Amino acid sequence: MLYHPRRHWTLASFAPRPNSQHARALGIRFVEQERPTPVTLVLAGSPGSGKTHLLHALAQHARRNFWIDSIACLSSTQWAQEVAAGLHFADIASVLQRFASHDFLALDDADRLWGMPQAQQAFAELLRERQEQGLRTLLTATLYPVSPHNPQLLCDLLAQQTAVRLH
């Protein structure tokens, strides 16, 4: 694994609120299936709702899936740093290829990429590539409505994904 999920954040340590049990169950099904449909799942909710904990717990749980060999679990800040390094060293294509090859990719706080145009654009490209390959991607985000006067590529892309809300 390039970036490891937090070892102590597991499904056993995730105590969902009554309104978040559906998100936990859907996340477990998403991780355990041989070929999930859809291949991208967004854990949405307000700050403190448990999105990050559940993301790491599901990434840990994914290690048990026979069909998942490689896992990358990272924050939007880590993704932005990978993209910046790729642009600096003129090898952004290899960065995208490396993350497109993981069987399971978990990205925390995808909505924070909205303030980082290059990282946002690179992630949108990566997400499309992963979807074409049928590789699972788990994201956390607080989804905001998009204004027709100020469309944001990543926001539109996230809004098109299957999302489950944590309360």
N, C-alpha and C. Protein backbone atom coordinates (compact mmCIF):
# COMPACT_ATOMS: atom_id res chain seq x y z
N MET A 1 0.83 -1.18 0.00
CA MET A 1 0.00 0.00 0.00
C MET A 1 0.88 1.24 0.00
N LEU A 2 0.55 2.18 -0.83
CA LEU A 2 1.28 3.43 -0.85
C LEU A 2 0.98 4.24 0.41
N TYR A 3 -0.26 4.46 0.66
CA TYR A 3 -0.71 5.13 1.88
C TYR A 3 -1.58 4.13 2.62
N HIS A 4 -1.31 3.92 3.87
CA HIS A 4 -2.02 2.93 4.66
C HIS A 4 -3.21 3.56 5.38
N PRO A 5 -4.31 2.79 5.48
CA PRO A 5 -5.40 3.28 6.33
C PRO A 5 -4.96 3.25 7.79
N ARG A 6 -5.57 4.07 8.58
CA ARG A 6 -5.24 4.09 10.01
C ARG A 6 -5.63 2.77 10.64
N ARG A 7 -4.65 2.11 11.19
CA ARG A 7 -4.81 0.75 11.70
C ARG A 7 -5.84 0.65 12.82
N HIS A 8 -5.90 1.64 13.67
CA HIS A 8 -6.81 1.57 14.82
C HIS A 8 -8.24 1.99 14.49
N TRP A 9 -8.49 2.48 13.28
CA TRP A 9 -9.85 2.82 12.89
C TRP A 9 -10.42 1.66 12.09
N THR A 10 -11.16 0.82 12.77
CA THR A 10 -11.71 -0.39 12.17
C THR A 10 -13.23 -0.34 12.24
N LEU A 11 -13.86 -1.34 11.61
CA LEU A 11 -15.32 -1.42 11.71
C LEU A 11 -15.75 -1.69 13.14
N ALA A 12 -14.92 -2.41 13.89
CA ALA A 12 -15.25 -2.68 15.29
C ALA A 12 -15.21 -1.41 16.13
N SER A 13 -14.32 -0.49 15.77
CA SER A 13 -14.22 0.76 16.55
C SER A 13 -15.15 1.85 16.04
N PHE A 14 -15.79 1.62 14.89
CA PHE A 14 -16.72 2.60 14.34
C PHE A 14 -18.10 2.35 14.96
N ALA A 15 -18.55 3.26 15.76
CA ALA A 15 -19.86 3.15 16.39
C ALA A 15 -20.81 4.10 15.67
N PRO A 16 -21.55 3.58 14.69
CA PRO A 16 -22.42 4.47 13.93
C PRO A 16 -23.60 4.96 14.74
N ARG A 17 -23.96 6.18 14.48
CA ARG A 17 -25.19 6.71 15.05
C ARG A 17 -26.34 5.98 14.37
N PRO A 18 -27.51 5.97 14.97
CA PRO A 18 -28.63 5.25 14.35
C PRO A 18 -28.87 5.64 12.89
N ASN A 19 -28.68 6.92 12.56
CA ASN A 19 -28.93 7.37 11.20
C ASN A 19 -27.79 7.03 10.24
N SER A 20 -26.66 6.54 10.74
CA SER A 20 -25.51 6.23 9.89
C SER A 20 -25.29 4.74 9.70
N GLN A 21 -26.15 3.92 10.27
CA GLN A 21 -26.00 2.47 10.13
C GLN A 21 -26.15 2.04 8.67
N HIS A 22 -27.02 2.72 7.94
CA HIS A 22 -27.19 2.41 6.52
C HIS A 22 -25.89 2.66 5.76
N ALA A 23 -25.20 3.75 6.06
CA ALA A 23 -23.94 4.07 5.40
C ALA A 23 -22.90 2.99 5.68
N ARG A 24 -22.82 2.55 6.91
CA ARG A 24 -21.88 1.49 7.29
C ARG A 24 -22.19 0.21 6.52
N ALA A 25 -23.46 -0.19 6.49
CA ALA A 25 -23.86 -1.42 5.81
C ALA A 25 -23.59 -1.34 4.31
N LEU A 26 -23.91 -0.20 3.70
CA LEU A 26 -23.67 -0.03 2.27
C LEU A 26 -22.16 -0.06 1.97
N GLY A 27 -21.37 0.57 2.84
CA GLY A 27 -19.92 0.55 2.67
C GLY A 27 -19.35 -0.86 2.76
N ILE A 28 -19.85 -1.65 3.68
CA ILE A 28 -19.39 -3.04 3.82
C ILE A 28 -19.73 -3.83 2.56
N ARG A 29 -20.94 -3.68 2.05
CA ARG A 29 -21.33 -4.37 0.81
C ARG A 29 -20.43 -3.93 -0.35
N PHE A 30 -20.16 -2.63 -0.42
CA PHE A 30 -19.30 -2.07 -1.47
C PHE A 30 -17.91 -2.72 -1.43
N VAL A 31 -17.37 -2.90 -0.25
CA VAL A 31 -16.02 -3.46 -0.09
C VAL A 31 -16.01 -4.97 -0.32
N GLU A 32 -17.04 -5.67 0.10
CA GLU A 32 -17.02 -7.13 0.07
C GLU A 32 -17.38 -7.74 -1.27
N GLN A 33 -18.08 -7.03 -2.13
CA GLN A 33 -18.49 -7.60 -3.41
C GLN A 33 -17.30 -7.85 -4.31
N GLU A 34 -17.46 -8.87 -5.17
CA GLU A 34 -16.40 -9.14 -6.14
C GLU A 34 -16.29 -8.00 -7.14
N ARG A 35 -17.41 -7.60 -7.69
CA ARG A 35 -17.46 -6.50 -8.65
C ARG A 35 -18.62 -5.58 -8.26
N PRO A 36 -18.34 -4.56 -7.46
CA PRO A 36 -19.44 -3.70 -7.00
C PRO A 36 -20.01 -2.84 -8.12
N THR A 37 -21.28 -2.57 -7.99
CA THR A 37 -21.94 -1.64 -8.88
C THR A 37 -22.72 -0.69 -8.00
N PRO A 38 -22.43 0.54 -8.06
CA PRO A 38 -21.42 1.27 -8.84
C PRO A 38 -20.02 1.05 -8.26
N VAL A 39 -19.01 1.52 -8.99
CA VAL A 39 -17.64 1.33 -8.54
C VAL A 39 -17.12 2.51 -7.72
N THR A 40 -17.90 3.56 -7.62
CA THR A 40 -17.52 4.72 -6.80
C THR A 40 -18.61 4.96 -5.77
N LEU A 41 -18.18 5.13 -4.53
CA LEU A 41 -19.13 5.41 -3.45
C LEU A 41 -18.63 6.62 -2.68
N VAL A 42 -19.52 7.58 -2.46
CA VAL A 42 -19.19 8.79 -1.72
C VAL A 42 -19.87 8.72 -0.35
N LEU A 43 -19.07 8.85 0.70
CA LEU A 43 -19.60 8.96 2.05
C LEU A 43 -19.75 10.44 2.34
N ALA A 44 -20.96 10.91 2.40
CA ALA A 44 -21.21 12.34 2.56
C ALA A 44 -21.76 12.61 3.95
N GLY A 45 -21.45 13.79 4.46
CA GLY A 45 -21.98 14.16 5.76
C GLY A 45 -21.31 15.40 6.29
N SER A 46 -21.81 15.85 7.40
CA SER A 46 -21.26 17.06 8.01
C SER A 46 -19.99 16.72 8.78
N PRO A 47 -19.20 17.74 9.14
CA PRO A 47 -17.99 17.48 9.94
C PRO A 47 -18.37 16.78 11.25
N GLY A 48 -17.58 15.79 11.63
CA GLY A 48 -17.82 15.06 12.85
C GLY A 48 -18.81 13.92 12.73
N SER A 49 -19.30 13.65 11.53
CA SER A 49 -20.29 12.59 11.35
C SER A 49 -19.66 11.20 11.26
N GLY A 50 -18.35 11.12 11.16
CA GLY A 50 -17.68 9.82 11.11
C GLY A 50 -17.23 9.38 9.74
N LYS A 51 -17.26 10.29 8.77
CA LYS A 51 -16.88 9.93 7.39
C LYS A 51 -15.45 9.38 7.32
N THR A 52 -14.51 10.09 7.91
CA THR A 52 -13.10 9.68 7.83
C THR A 52 -12.88 8.37 8.56
N HIS A 53 -13.47 8.21 9.71
CA HIS A 53 -13.33 6.96 10.46
C HIS A 53 -13.87 5.80 9.63
N LEU A 54 -15.04 5.97 9.05
CA LEU A 54 -15.64 4.90 8.25
C LEU A 54 -14.80 4.61 7.01
N LEU A 55 -14.27 5.63 6.37
CA LEU A 55 -13.41 5.43 5.20
C LEU A 55 -12.21 4.55 5.56
N HIS A 56 -11.52 4.87 6.65
CA HIS A 56 -10.36 4.08 7.07
C HIS A 56 -10.78 2.67 7.50
N ALA A 57 -11.90 2.56 8.19
CA ALA A 57 -12.39 1.25 8.62
C ALA A 57 -12.71 0.37 7.41
N LEU A 58 -13.33 0.95 6.40
CA LEU A 58 -13.65 0.18 5.20
C LEU A 58 -12.40 -0.19 4.41
N ALA A 59 -11.41 0.70 4.39
CA ALA A 59 -10.14 0.38 3.73
C ALA A 59 -9.44 -0.77 4.45
N GLN A 60 -9.49 -0.77 5.78
CA GLN A 60 -8.94 -1.90 6.54
C GLN A 60 -9.72 -3.18 6.22
N HIS A 61 -11.03 -3.07 6.15
CA HIS A 61 -11.89 -4.23 5.86
C HIS A 61 -11.62 -4.76 4.45
N ALA A 62 -11.27 -3.88 3.54
CA ALA A 62 -11.01 -4.29 2.15
C ALA A 62 -9.84 -5.26 2.04
N ARG A 63 -8.96 -5.25 3.01
CA ARG A 63 -7.82 -6.18 3.00
C ARG A 63 -8.27 -7.63 3.03
N ARG A 64 -9.46 -7.88 3.52
CA ARG A 64 -9.99 -9.24 3.62
C ARG A 64 -10.60 -9.72 2.32
N ASN A 65 -10.82 -8.83 1.38
CA ASN A 65 -11.46 -9.20 0.12
C ASN A 65 -10.42 -9.83 -0.81
N PHE A 66 -10.69 -11.04 -1.23
CA PHE A 66 -9.80 -11.79 -2.10
C PHE A 66 -9.50 -11.06 -3.41
N TRP A 67 -10.45 -10.27 -3.90
CA TRP A 67 -10.30 -9.59 -5.19
C TRP A 67 -9.59 -8.25 -5.08
N ILE A 68 -9.23 -7.85 -3.89
CA ILE A 68 -8.53 -6.58 -3.70
C ILE A 68 -7.09 -6.87 -3.27
N ASP A 69 -6.16 -6.61 -4.16
CA ASP A 69 -4.74 -6.86 -3.86
C ASP A 69 -4.03 -5.61 -3.37
N SER A 70 -4.37 -4.47 -3.94
CA SER A 70 -3.64 -3.25 -3.58
C SER A 70 -4.61 -2.16 -3.16
N ILE A 71 -4.24 -1.46 -2.08
CA ILE A 71 -5.08 -0.42 -1.50
C ILE A 71 -4.25 0.84 -1.32
N ALA A 72 -4.83 1.97 -1.67
CA ALA A 72 -4.23 3.27 -1.37
C ALA A 72 -5.29 4.08 -0.63
N CYS A 73 -4.91 4.64 0.48
CA CYS A 73 -5.81 5.43 1.31
C CYS A 73 -5.11 6.75 1.61
N LEU A 74 -5.65 7.86 1.12
CA LEU A 74 -4.97 9.14 1.30
C LEU A 74 -5.96 10.28 1.45
N SER A 75 -5.44 11.39 1.93
CA SER A 75 -6.25 12.60 2.09
C SER A 75 -6.16 13.44 0.83
N SER A 76 -7.03 14.41 0.73
CA SER A 76 -6.97 15.31 -0.43
C SER A 76 -5.66 16.09 -0.43
N THR A 77 -5.12 16.40 0.74
CA THR A 77 -3.84 17.10 0.83
C THR A 77 -2.72 16.23 0.29
N GLN A 78 -2.72 14.95 0.63
CA GLN A 78 -1.70 14.04 0.11
C GLN A 78 -1.83 13.89 -1.40
N TRP A 79 -3.08 13.83 -1.89
CA TRP A 79 -3.29 13.76 -3.34
C TRP A 79 -2.73 15.02 -4.02
N ALA A 80 -3.02 16.18 -3.46
CA ALA A 80 -2.53 17.44 -4.03
C ALA A 80 -1.00 17.45 -4.05
N GLN A 81 -0.36 16.90 -3.02
CA GLN A 81 1.10 16.84 -2.99
C GLN A 81 1.63 15.89 -4.06
N GLU A 82 0.96 14.79 -4.27
CA GLU A 82 1.35 13.86 -5.35
C GLU A 82 1.26 14.53 -6.71
N VAL A 83 0.17 15.26 -6.92
CA VAL A 83 -0.03 15.96 -8.19
C VAL A 83 1.02 17.05 -8.36
N ALA A 84 1.28 17.83 -7.32
CA ALA A 84 2.29 18.89 -7.40
C ALA A 84 3.66 18.31 -7.74
N ALA A 85 4.01 17.19 -7.10
CA ALA A 85 5.30 16.55 -7.41
C ALA A 85 5.31 16.05 -8.85
N GLY A 86 4.20 15.47 -9.29
CA GLY A 86 4.11 14.99 -10.67
C GLY A 86 4.26 16.11 -11.67
N LEU A 87 3.65 17.25 -11.40
CA LEU A 87 3.78 18.40 -12.29
C LEU A 87 5.19 18.98 -12.25
N HIS A 88 5.77 19.04 -11.06
CA HIS A 88 7.11 19.58 -10.90
C HIS A 88 8.15 18.75 -11.66
N PHE A 89 8.01 17.42 -11.58
CA PHE A 89 8.98 16.54 -12.23
C PHE A 89 8.52 16.09 -13.61
N ALA A 90 7.46 16.70 -14.11
CA ALA A 90 6.92 16.42 -15.45
C ALA A 90 6.59 14.94 -15.64
N ASP A 91 6.06 14.30 -14.60
CA ASP A 91 5.64 12.91 -14.74
C ASP A 91 4.25 12.67 -14.14
N ILE A 92 3.36 13.61 -14.40
CA ILE A 92 1.99 13.50 -13.88
C ILE A 92 1.31 12.24 -14.42
N ALA A 93 1.66 11.85 -15.62
CA ALA A 93 1.06 10.64 -16.21
C ALA A 93 1.40 9.41 -15.36
N SER A 94 2.60 9.34 -14.83
CA SER A 94 2.97 8.18 -14.01
C SER A 94 2.25 8.23 -12.66
N VAL A 95 1.99 9.43 -12.14
CA VAL A 95 1.22 9.56 -10.90
C VAL A 95 -0.19 9.02 -11.13
N LEU A 96 -0.81 9.45 -12.21
CA LEU A 96 -2.17 8.99 -12.52
C LEU A 96 -2.19 7.48 -12.75
N GLN A 97 -1.20 6.98 -13.46
CA GLN A 97 -1.14 5.55 -13.74
C GLN A 97 -0.99 4.73 -12.46
N ARG A 98 -0.15 5.21 -11.55
CA ARG A 98 0.08 4.49 -10.29
C ARG A 98 -1.22 4.39 -9.48
N PHE A 99 -1.96 5.49 -9.39
CA PHE A 99 -3.19 5.47 -8.60
C PHE A 99 -4.34 4.80 -9.36
N ALA A 100 -4.25 4.76 -10.66
CA ALA A 100 -5.27 4.08 -11.46
C ALA A 100 -5.12 2.57 -11.38
N SER A 101 -3.99 2.10 -10.89
CA SER A 101 -3.76 0.66 -10.86
C SER A 101 -4.14 -0.01 -9.53
N HIS A 102 -4.40 0.75 -8.49
CA HIS A 102 -4.79 0.16 -7.21
C HIS A 102 -6.20 -0.41 -7.31
N ASP A 103 -6.40 -1.58 -6.74
CA ASP A 103 -7.72 -2.20 -6.76
C ASP A 103 -8.73 -1.40 -5.94
N PHE A 104 -8.24 -0.73 -4.92
CA PHE A 104 -9.12 0.03 -4.02
C PHE A 104 -8.42 1.34 -3.69
N LEU A 105 -9.10 2.44 -3.96
CA LEU A 105 -8.57 3.77 -3.66
C LEU A 105 -9.56 4.47 -2.74
N ALA A 106 -9.05 4.96 -1.62
CA ALA A 106 -9.88 5.71 -0.67
C ALA A 106 -9.30 7.11 -0.55
N LEU A 107 -10.12 8.12 -0.85
CA LEU A 107 -9.69 9.51 -0.77
C LEU A 107 -10.58 10.26 0.20
N ASP A 108 -9.95 10.80 1.23
CA ASP A 108 -10.68 11.54 2.26
C ASP A 108 -10.78 13.01 1.89
N ASP A 109 -11.92 13.60 2.12
CA ASP A 109 -12.18 15.03 1.89
C ASP A 109 -12.01 15.45 0.43
N ALA A 110 -12.62 14.71 -0.46
CA ALA A 110 -12.52 15.03 -1.90
C ALA A 110 -13.01 16.44 -2.20
N ASP A 111 -13.95 16.94 -1.42
CA ASP A 111 -14.48 18.28 -1.66
C ASP A 111 -13.43 19.36 -1.43
N ARG A 112 -12.38 19.08 -0.68
CA ARG A 112 -11.32 20.07 -0.45
C ARG A 112 -10.48 20.32 -1.70
N LEU A 113 -10.60 19.47 -2.68
CA LEU A 113 -9.86 19.67 -3.94
C LEU A 113 -10.42 20.84 -4.74
N TRP A 114 -11.62 21.32 -4.40
CA TRP A 114 -12.22 22.41 -5.16
C TRP A 114 -11.37 23.66 -5.15
N GLY A 115 -10.56 23.87 -4.14
CA GLY A 115 -9.69 25.04 -4.08
C GLY A 115 -8.34 24.81 -4.71
N MET A 116 -8.13 23.62 -5.28
CA MET A 116 -6.85 23.26 -5.89
C MET A 116 -7.11 22.79 -7.32
N PRO A 117 -7.18 23.70 -8.27
CA PRO A 117 -7.61 23.34 -9.63
C PRO A 117 -6.82 22.21 -10.29
N GLN A 118 -5.50 22.20 -10.14
CA GLN A 118 -4.72 21.16 -10.80
C GLN A 118 -4.97 19.79 -10.17
N ALA A 119 -5.05 19.75 -8.85
CA ALA A 119 -5.34 18.49 -8.16
C ALA A 119 -6.76 18.03 -8.47
N GLN A 120 -7.68 18.97 -8.56
CA GLN A 120 -9.08 18.66 -8.89
C GLN A 120 -9.18 18.07 -10.28
N GLN A 121 -8.54 18.69 -11.24
CA GLN A 121 -8.59 18.21 -12.62
C GLN A 121 -7.95 16.82 -12.73
N ALA A 122 -6.81 16.64 -12.08
CA ALA A 122 -6.12 15.35 -12.13
C ALA A 122 -6.97 14.26 -11.47
N PHE A 123 -7.65 14.60 -10.37
CA PHE A 123 -8.48 13.59 -9.72
C PHE A 123 -9.70 13.25 -10.57
N ALA A 124 -10.29 14.23 -11.20
CA ALA A 124 -11.44 13.96 -12.08
C ALA A 124 -11.02 13.00 -13.20
N GLU A 125 -9.83 13.22 -13.75
CA GLU A 125 -9.31 12.33 -14.80
C GLU A 125 -9.06 10.93 -14.23
N LEU A 126 -8.47 10.87 -13.04
CA LEU A 126 -8.19 9.59 -12.39
C LEU A 126 -9.49 8.84 -12.10
N LEU A 127 -10.49 9.53 -11.60
CA LEU A 127 -11.75 8.89 -11.27
C LEU A 127 -12.41 8.30 -12.51
N ARG A 128 -12.39 9.04 -13.59
CA ARG A 128 -12.96 8.51 -14.85
C ARG A 128 -12.22 7.26 -15.30
N GLU A 129 -10.90 7.29 -15.23
CA GLU A 129 -10.09 6.14 -15.62
C GLU A 129 -10.40 4.93 -14.74
N ARG A 130 -10.51 5.14 -13.45
CA ARG A 130 -10.81 4.04 -12.53
C ARG A 130 -12.20 3.47 -12.81
N GLN A 131 -13.15 4.33 -13.12
CA GLN A 131 -14.50 3.85 -13.43
C GLN A 131 -14.50 3.02 -14.71
N GLU A 132 -13.75 3.45 -15.71
CA GLU A 132 -13.66 2.69 -16.95
C GLU A 132 -13.05 1.31 -16.71
N GLN A 133 -12.12 1.22 -15.77
CA GLN A 133 -11.48 -0.06 -15.45
C GLN A 133 -12.31 -0.90 -14.48
N GLY A 134 -13.35 -0.31 -13.91
CA GLY A 134 -14.18 -1.02 -12.95
C GLY A 134 -13.53 -1.18 -11.59
N LEU A 135 -12.64 -0.25 -11.22
CA LEU A 135 -11.94 -0.30 -9.94
C LEU A 135 -12.68 0.53 -8.90
N ARG A 136 -12.78 0.02 -7.70
CA ARG A 136 -13.55 0.72 -6.67
C ARG A 136 -12.79 1.90 -6.08
N THR A 137 -13.57 2.96 -5.89
CA THR A 137 -13.06 4.19 -5.30
C THR A 137 -14.05 4.63 -4.23
N LEU A 138 -13.51 4.86 -3.04
CA LEU A 138 -14.32 5.30 -1.92
C LEU A 138 -13.89 6.71 -1.55
N LEU A 139 -14.84 7.62 -1.46
CA LEU A 139 -14.54 9.02 -1.20
C LEU A 139 -15.34 9.51 0.00
N THR A 140 -14.79 10.51 0.68
CA THR A 140 -15.60 11.25 1.64
C THR A 140 -15.70 12.68 1.14
N ALA A 141 -16.83 13.29 1.40
CA ALA A 141 -17.03 14.67 0.96
C ALA A 141 -18.26 15.26 1.62
N THR A 142 -18.22 16.57 1.76
CA THR A 142 -19.42 17.32 2.07
C THR A 142 -19.86 17.89 0.74
N LEU A 143 -20.97 17.40 0.24
CA LEU A 143 -21.41 17.81 -1.09
C LEU A 143 -22.21 19.10 -1.01
N TYR A 144 -21.78 20.07 -1.78
CA TYR A 144 -22.44 21.36 -1.84
C TYR A 144 -23.17 21.49 -3.17
N PRO A 145 -24.28 22.19 -3.22
CA PRO A 145 -24.96 22.39 -4.50
C PRO A 145 -24.10 23.23 -5.44
N VAL A 146 -24.19 22.92 -6.71
CA VAL A 146 -23.42 23.65 -7.72
C VAL A 146 -24.28 24.76 -8.29
N SER A 147 -23.73 25.93 -8.33
CA SER A 147 -24.41 27.06 -8.94
C SER A 147 -24.25 26.96 -10.45
N PRO A 148 -25.32 27.20 -11.23
CA PRO A 148 -25.17 27.14 -12.69
C PRO A 148 -24.21 28.22 -13.20
N HIS A 149 -23.97 29.24 -12.40
CA HIS A 149 -23.06 30.31 -12.82
C HIS A 149 -21.61 29.99 -12.51
N ASN A 150 -21.37 29.00 -11.66
CA ASN A 150 -20.01 28.67 -11.25
C ASN A 150 -19.85 27.15 -11.17
N PRO A 151 -19.97 26.45 -12.31
CA PRO A 151 -19.86 24.99 -12.26
C PRO A 151 -18.44 24.56 -11.91
N GLN A 152 -18.34 23.53 -11.11
CA GLN A 152 -17.04 22.98 -10.74
C GLN A 152 -17.00 21.53 -11.20
N LEU A 153 -15.96 21.20 -11.94
CA LEU A 153 -15.83 19.87 -12.52
C LEU A 153 -15.95 18.77 -11.47
N LEU A 154 -15.21 18.87 -10.39
CA LEU A 154 -15.24 17.82 -9.39
C LEU A 154 -16.59 17.75 -8.70
N CYS A 155 -17.18 18.89 -8.42
CA CYS A 155 -18.49 18.90 -7.77
C CYS A 155 -19.50 18.19 -8.65
N ASP A 156 -19.52 18.50 -9.93
CA ASP A 156 -20.42 17.82 -10.86
C ASP A 156 -20.14 16.33 -10.89
N LEU A 157 -18.86 15.99 -10.93
CA LEU A 157 -18.46 14.59 -10.98
C LEU A 157 -18.90 13.85 -9.72
N LEU A 158 -18.69 14.45 -8.56
CA LEU A 158 -19.11 13.82 -7.31
C LEU A 158 -20.63 13.71 -7.23
N ALA A 159 -21.31 14.73 -7.71
CA ALA A 159 -22.77 14.72 -7.66
C ALA A 159 -23.36 13.60 -8.51
N GLN A 160 -22.60 13.10 -9.48
CA GLN A 160 -23.07 12.03 -10.34
C GLN A 160 -22.81 10.65 -9.75
N GLN A 161 -22.08 10.58 -8.64
CA GLN A 161 -21.73 9.31 -8.03
C GLN A 161 -22.80 8.89 -7.01
N THR A 162 -22.79 7.61 -6.70
CA THR A 162 -23.67 7.12 -5.66
C THR A 162 -23.14 7.62 -4.32
N ALA A 163 -24.01 8.23 -3.55
CA ALA A 163 -23.61 8.78 -2.26
C ALA A 163 -24.52 8.24 -1.17
N VAL A 164 -23.94 8.10 0.00
CA VAL A 164 -24.70 7.71 1.18
C VAL A 164 -24.36 8.71 2.26
N ARG A 165 -25.36 9.13 3.00
CA ARG A 165 -25.17 10.21 3.98
C ARG A 165 -25.00 9.64 5.38
N LEU A 166 -24.02 10.19 6.08
CA LEU A 166 -23.83 9.92 7.49
C LEU A 166 -24.40 11.10 8.25
N HIS A 167 -25.08 10.84 9.31
CA HIS A 167 -25.69 11.92 10.11
C HIS A 167 -24.98 12.04 11.42
